[in-house]
Amino acid sequence: MSPIRLDRHAWTNKLLLAAVLTLLWFALSGGQGWWTALPAIILILFASHWLLPETLKPVSLTGLLSFSLYFIQRSILGGLDVAWRALHPKMPLDIRQHVHRFEVDGPARTIIIGSLSLMPGTLSVSQDGDQLTVHSISGDVAHECRRLEQRAQGVFLVQEQQP
């Protein structure tokens, strides 16, 4: 195996991954069992060097924070909307499918697909090339898809435009 040589962006990514794993462990365990967590986190960091050497793009911490806050806000508002629709006597569902054409490629696209599926009231149904079919219970989601794409693109310092 080759020695680990990381540039500044790779170090930022590794530290970010370590922070995310630490926060995840803390949230799931309530702060217990650090004797298990620390070796696991270190092992994951080393394994990620060999398993994901070229897939991680330089991450903007401010872009990641902005995206995270946006995702949390949209998830809460979406959850309230879904609850309102479910509890409303007439169940006002406006079920539609929207085909979104991606303007980005790479990890930003993966974030968009996963995020849309995690947001209440939407679901990524299928992907065909640069098109994603999104199912929604609250009407047209074209504007939401564009905003999410812009936010996801802001997470990375190097932008990958679709050819």
Protein backbone atom coordinates (compact mmCIF):
# COMPACT_ATOMS: atom_id res chain seq x y z
CA MET A 1 0.00 0.00 0.00
CA SER A 2 1.14 3.50 -0.75
CA PRO A 3 1.59 6.02 2.04
CA ILE A 4 -1.29 8.41 2.59
CA ARG A 5 -0.55 11.72 0.92
CA LEU A 6 -3.33 14.27 1.11
CA ASP A 7 -3.58 17.77 -0.29
CA ARG A 8 -5.37 20.57 1.55
CA HIS A 9 -8.78 19.73 0.08
CA ALA A 10 -8.38 16.04 0.89
CA TRP A 11 -7.52 16.92 4.49
CA THR A 12 -10.62 19.11 4.65
CA ASN A 13 -12.72 16.24 3.34
CA LYS A 14 -11.25 13.78 5.86
CA LEU A 15 -11.78 16.17 8.76
CA LEU A 16 -15.32 16.81 7.57
CA LEU A 17 -15.98 13.07 7.34
CA ALA A 18 -14.56 12.60 10.84
CA ALA A 19 -16.81 15.38 12.17
CA VAL A 20 -19.89 13.91 10.50
CA LEU A 21 -19.12 10.42 11.82
CA THR A 22 -18.50 11.80 15.31
CA LEU A 23 -21.78 13.74 15.31
CA LEU A 24 -23.63 10.71 13.97
CA TRP A 25 -22.16 8.50 16.68
CA PHE A 26 -23.04 11.04 19.36
CA ALA A 27 -26.61 11.38 18.07
CA LEU A 28 -27.19 7.64 17.88
CA SER A 29 -25.44 6.62 21.10
CA GLY A 30 -26.21 9.58 23.32
CA GLY A 31 -22.50 10.14 23.84
CA GLN A 32 -21.81 6.62 25.15
CA GLY A 33 -19.23 4.08 24.00
CA TRP A 34 -16.42 6.31 22.75
CA TRP A 35 -13.95 3.45 23.23
CA THR A 36 -15.73 1.78 20.30
CA ALA A 37 -16.41 4.94 18.30
CA LEU A 38 -12.88 6.32 18.03
CA PRO A 39 -11.28 3.19 16.53
CA ALA A 40 -14.26 2.77 14.18
CA ILE A 41 -14.02 6.38 12.99
CA ILE A 42 -10.26 6.08 12.45
CA LEU A 43 -10.73 2.81 10.56
CA ILE A 44 -13.40 4.40 8.35
CA LEU A 45 -11.11 7.35 7.58
CA PHE A 46 -8.28 5.04 6.52
CA ALA A 47 -10.61 2.80 4.52
CA SER A 48 -12.13 5.81 2.75
CA HIS A 49 -8.68 6.72 1.44
CA TRP A 50 -8.50 3.50 -0.54
CA LEU A 51 -12.20 2.98 -1.26
CA LEU A 52 -13.05 6.55 -2.29
CA PRO A 53 -9.78 8.09 -3.46
CA GLU A 54 -11.06 9.95 -6.52
CA THR A 55 -14.75 10.35 -5.78
CA LEU A 56 -14.56 13.04 -3.13
CA LYS A 57 -14.44 16.55 -4.53
CA PRO A 58 -13.18 19.50 -2.50
CA VAL A 59 -15.99 20.52 -0.16
CA SER A 60 -16.96 24.06 0.75
CA LEU A 61 -17.73 24.12 4.46
CA THR A 62 -19.97 27.17 4.05
CA GLY A 63 -21.71 25.51 1.10
CA LEU A 64 -22.21 22.34 3.14
CA LEU A 65 -23.59 24.32 6.08
CA SER A 66 -25.90 26.27 3.79
CA PHE A 67 -27.14 23.08 2.14
CA SER A 68 -27.64 21.36 5.51
CA LEU A 69 -29.68 24.24 6.91
CA TYR A 70 -31.73 24.40 3.71
CA PHE A 71 -32.34 20.64 3.82
CA ILE A 72 -33.43 20.74 7.48
CA GLN A 73 -35.74 23.71 6.81
CA ARG A 74 -37.34 22.05 3.76
CA SER A 75 -37.68 18.74 5.63
CA ILE A 76 -39.51 20.38 8.53
CA LEU A 77 -41.78 22.40 6.25
CA GLY A 78 -42.39 19.34 4.06
CA GLY A 79 -43.20 17.22 7.12
CA LEU A 80 -45.71 19.80 8.34
CA ASP A 81 -47.26 19.95 4.87
CA VAL A 82 -47.56 16.15 4.64
CA ALA A 83 -49.08 16.01 8.15
CA TRP A 84 -51.59 18.74 7.24
CA ARG A 85 -52.57 16.92 4.05
CA ALA A 86 -52.92 13.59 5.88
CA LEU A 87 -55.03 15.04 8.70
CA HIS A 88 -57.18 17.33 6.57
CA PRO A 89 -60.68 15.86 6.12
CA LYS A 90 -60.50 16.19 2.30
CA MET A 91 -56.83 15.04 2.07
CA PRO A 92 -55.89 17.68 -0.52
CA LEU A 93 -53.31 15.72 -2.47
CA ASP A 94 -52.02 17.13 -5.74
CA ILE A 95 -50.15 14.09 -7.03
CA ARG A 96 -47.83 14.78 -9.94
CA GLN A 97 -44.68 13.56 -11.55
CA HIS A 98 -42.04 16.00 -12.66
CA VAL A 99 -39.12 15.22 -14.96
CA HIS A 100 -36.09 17.22 -13.87
CA ARG A 101 -33.17 17.68 -16.26
CA PHE A 102 -29.87 17.88 -14.38
CA GLU A 103 -27.51 20.77 -14.98
CA VAL A 104 -24.77 19.15 -12.87
CA ASP A 105 -23.01 15.81 -12.73
CA GLY A 106 -21.02 13.88 -10.16
CA PRO A 107 -21.52 14.01 -6.39
CA ALA A 108 -23.90 17.00 -6.56
CA ARG A 109 -26.29 14.86 -8.60
CA THR A 110 -26.11 12.08 -6.00
CA ILE A 111 -26.91 14.57 -3.24
CA ILE A 112 -29.95 15.84 -5.17
CA ILE A 113 -31.37 12.36 -5.79
CA GLY A 114 -30.92 11.31 -2.17
CA SER A 115 -32.20 14.56 -0.73
CA LEU A 116 -35.36 14.59 -2.83
CA SER A 117 -36.17 11.08 -1.62
CA LEU A 118 -35.63 12.08 2.01
CA MET A 119 -37.78 15.20 1.87
CA PRO A 120 -41.38 14.58 2.92
CA GLY A 121 -43.88 14.53 0.06
CA THR A 122 -41.35 13.82 -2.71
CA LEU A 123 -39.70 10.70 -4.04
CA SER A 124 -37.08 10.14 -6.72
CA VAL A 125 -38.80 7.55 -8.93
CA SER A 126 -36.32 6.90 -11.72
CA GLN A 127 -33.25 8.28 -13.42
CA ASP A 128 -32.60 8.02 -17.14
CA GLY A 129 -29.36 9.67 -18.20
CA ASP A 130 -29.57 13.33 -17.19
CA GLN A 131 -33.28 13.18 -16.33
CA LEU A 132 -34.80 12.41 -12.93
CA THR A 133 -38.48 11.62 -12.47
CA VAL A 134 -39.78 12.98 -9.16
CA HIS A 135 -43.13 12.00 -7.61
CA SER A 136 -44.81 14.66 -5.48
CA ILE A 137 -48.00 14.91 -3.42
CA SER A 138 -47.94 18.71 -3.35
CA GLY A 139 -48.08 19.72 -7.00
CA ASP A 140 -45.35 21.04 -9.22
CA VAL A 141 -41.86 20.62 -7.75
CA ALA A 142 -39.85 22.04 -10.66
CA HIS A 143 -38.83 25.15 -8.70
CA GLU A 144 -37.88 23.05 -5.66
CA CYS A 145 -35.71 20.77 -7.82
CA ARG A 146 -33.86 23.76 -9.31
CA ARG A 147 -33.27 25.33 -5.88
CA LEU A 148 -32.05 22.01 -4.46
CA GLU A 149 -29.69 21.60 -7.42
CA GLN A 150 -28.21 25.07 -6.85
CA ARG A 151 -27.71 24.34 -3.15
CA ALA A 152 -26.15 20.93 -3.81
CA GLN A 153 -23.81 22.44 -6.40
CA GLY A 154 -22.65 24.97 -3.79
CA VAL A 155 -21.36 22.17 -1.55
CA PHE A 156 -18.38 21.53 -3.82
CA LEU A 157 -15.52 23.91 -4.60
CA VAL A 158 -15.01 22.40 -8.04
CA GLN A 159 -18.21 22.48 -10.10
CA GLU A 160 -18.90 19.70 -12.57
CA GLN A 161 -21.06 20.89 -15.39
CA GLN A 162 -22.83 18.36 -17.55
CA PRO A 163 -21.13 17.84 -20.94
